[in-house]
Amino acid sequence: MKLEITSGALQLARGQTLKLKDSVGSTICAREGTVWITEEDSRKDVVLEPGHCFRVDRPGLTLVQAFADASVSLA
């Protein structure tokens, strides 16, 4: 499935996963919907609801998956 960018945000369909490689220092913000985030070699997973952000603090692969249709921004 193709990612769509609308107004500076990535649109994720339910179950769609965004893979970010070596994104230490990047900030992921949930604009719409709820997303699950997990970082490589971390035991901590994060669930972001609209209006909340998470800063990637580990090198390697970071996965962002939409629980339902969602919109996220990256900075």
C-alpha atoms as a PDB file:
ATOM      1  CA  MET A   1       0.000   0.000   0.000  1.00  0.00           C
ATOM      2  CA  LYS A   2       1.270   3.463  -0.925  1.00  0.00           C
ATOM      3  CA  LEU A   3       1.781   6.174   1.731  1.00  0.00           C
ATOM      4  CA  GLU A   4       0.025   9.444   1.016  1.00  0.00           C
ATOM      5  CA  ILE A   5       1.253  12.841   2.200  1.00  0.00           C
ATOM      6  CA  THR A   6      -1.410  15.430   2.945  1.00  0.00           C
ATOM      7  CA  SER A   7      -0.669  18.834   4.501  1.00  0.00           C
ATOM      8  CA  GLY A   8       2.758  17.712   5.727  1.00  0.00           C
ATOM      9  CA  ALA A   9       1.378  14.501   7.236  1.00  0.00           C
ATOM     10  CA  LEU A  10       1.679  10.861   6.257  1.00  0.00           C
ATOM     11  CA  GLN A  11      -1.628   9.043   5.934  1.00  0.00           C
ATOM     12  CA  LEU A  12      -1.528   5.450   7.205  1.00  0.00           C
ATOM     13  CA  ALA A  13      -4.343   2.987   6.585  1.00  0.00           C
ATOM     14  CA  ARG A  14      -5.399   0.599   9.342  1.00  0.00           C
ATOM     15  CA  GLY A  15      -2.619  -1.942   9.892  1.00  0.00           C
ATOM     16  CA  GLN A  16      -0.156  -0.126   7.634  1.00  0.00           C
ATOM     17  CA  THR A  17       3.421   0.093   8.922  1.00  0.00           C
ATOM     18  CA  LEU A  18       5.894   2.905   8.364  1.00  0.00           C
ATOM     19  CA  LYS A  19       9.547   1.810   8.630  1.00  0.00           C
ATOM     20  CA  LEU A  20      12.095   4.419   9.700  1.00  0.00           C
ATOM     21  CA  LYS A  21      15.787   3.538   9.633  1.00  0.00           C
ATOM     22  CA  ASP A  22      18.361   5.337  11.797  1.00  0.00           C
ATOM     23  CA  SER A  23      15.987   8.175  12.701  1.00  0.00           C
ATOM     24  CA  VAL A  24      17.482   9.083  16.095  1.00  0.00           C
ATOM     25  CA  GLY A  25      16.335  12.583  17.049  1.00  0.00           C
ATOM     26  CA  SER A  26      13.266  12.535  14.788  1.00  0.00           C
ATOM     27  CA  THR A  27       9.916  13.382  16.333  1.00  0.00           C
ATOM     28  CA  ILE A  28       6.778  11.461  15.366  1.00  0.00           C
ATOM     29  CA  CYS A  29       3.459  13.158  16.133  1.00  0.00           C
ATOM     30  CA  ALA A  30       0.023  11.551  15.847  1.00  0.00           C
ATOM     31  CA  ARG A  31      -2.303  14.003  14.138  1.00  0.00           C
ATOM     32  CA  GLU A  32      -5.288  11.670  13.661  1.00  0.00           C
ATOM     33  CA  GLY A  33      -5.902   8.131  14.825  1.00  0.00           C
ATOM     34  CA  THR A  34      -3.768   6.049  17.163  1.00  0.00           C
ATOM     35  CA  VAL A  35      -0.404   4.548  16.260  1.00  0.00           C
ATOM     36  CA  TRP A  36       1.919   2.020  17.886  1.00  0.00           C
ATOM     37  CA  ILE A  37       5.677   2.653  17.842  1.00  0.00           C
ATOM     38  CA  THR A  38       8.477   0.217  18.583  1.00  0.00           C
ATOM     39  CA  GLU A  39      12.227   0.754  18.337  1.00  0.00           C
ATOM     40  CA  GLU A  40      14.852  -1.871  17.562  1.00  0.00           C
ATOM     41  CA  ASP A  41      16.480  -3.337  20.701  1.00  0.00           C
ATOM     42  CA  SER A  42      13.987  -1.627  23.022  1.00  0.00           C
ATOM     43  CA  ARG A  43      11.616  -3.378  25.393  1.00  0.00           C
ATOM     44  CA  LYS A  44       9.448  -0.264  25.522  1.00  0.00           C
ATOM     45  CA  ASP A  45       6.629   0.227  23.015  1.00  0.00           C
ATOM     46  CA  VAL A  46       4.714   3.478  22.704  1.00  0.00           C
ATOM     47  CA  VAL A  47       1.089   4.120  21.783  1.00  0.00           C
ATOM     48  CA  LEU A  48       0.444   7.638  20.493  1.00  0.00           C
ATOM     49  CA  GLU A  49      -2.985   9.208  20.454  1.00  0.00           C
ATOM     50  CA  PRO A  50      -3.828  12.359  18.493  1.00  0.00           C
ATOM     51  CA  GLY A  51      -1.912  15.398  19.715  1.00  0.00           C
ATOM     52  CA  HIS A  52       0.913  13.389  21.305  1.00  0.00           C
ATOM     53  CA  CYS A  53       4.495  13.066  20.063  1.00  0.00           C
ATOM     54  CA  PHE A  54       7.438  10.711  20.546  1.00  0.00           C
ATOM     55  CA  ARG A  55      11.131  11.385  19.953  1.00  0.00           C
ATOM     56  CA  VAL A  56      13.133   8.482  18.500  1.00  0.00           C
ATOM     57  CA  ASP A  57      16.090   7.838  20.804  1.00  0.00           C
ATOM     58  CA  ARG A  58      17.591   4.609  19.435  1.00  0.00           C
ATOM     59  CA  PRO A  59      19.501   3.858  16.238  1.00  0.00           C
ATOM     60  CA  GLY A  60      18.289   1.118  13.937  1.00  0.00           C
ATOM     61  CA  LEU A  61      14.760   0.378  12.818  1.00  0.00           C
ATOM     62  CA  THR A  62      11.697   2.165  14.225  1.00  0.00           C
ATOM     63  CA  LEU A  63       8.241   0.881  13.246  1.00  0.00           C
ATOM     64  CA  VAL A  64       5.077   2.979  13.314  1.00  0.00           C
ATOM     65  CA  GLN A  65       1.836   1.045  12.798  1.00  0.00           C
ATOM     66  CA  ALA A  66      -1.691   2.430  12.582  1.00  0.00           C
ATOM     67  CA  PHE A  67      -4.381   0.802  14.754  1.00  0.00           C
ATOM     68  CA  ALA A  68      -6.991   2.435  12.500  1.00  0.00           C
ATOM     69  CA  ASP A  69      -6.679   4.995   9.708  1.00  0.00           C
ATOM     70  CA  ALA A  70      -4.198   7.556  11.039  1.00  0.00           C
ATOM     71  CA  SER A  71      -2.143  10.586  10.158  1.00  0.00           C
ATOM     72  CA  VAL A  72       1.361  11.260  11.520  1.00  0.00           C
ATOM     73  CA  SER A  73       3.922  13.996  11.000  1.00  0.00           C
ATOM     74  CA  LEU A  74       7.677  13.615  11.181  1.00  0.00           C
ATOM     75  CA  ALA A  75      10.164  16.303  12.142  1.00  0.00           C
END
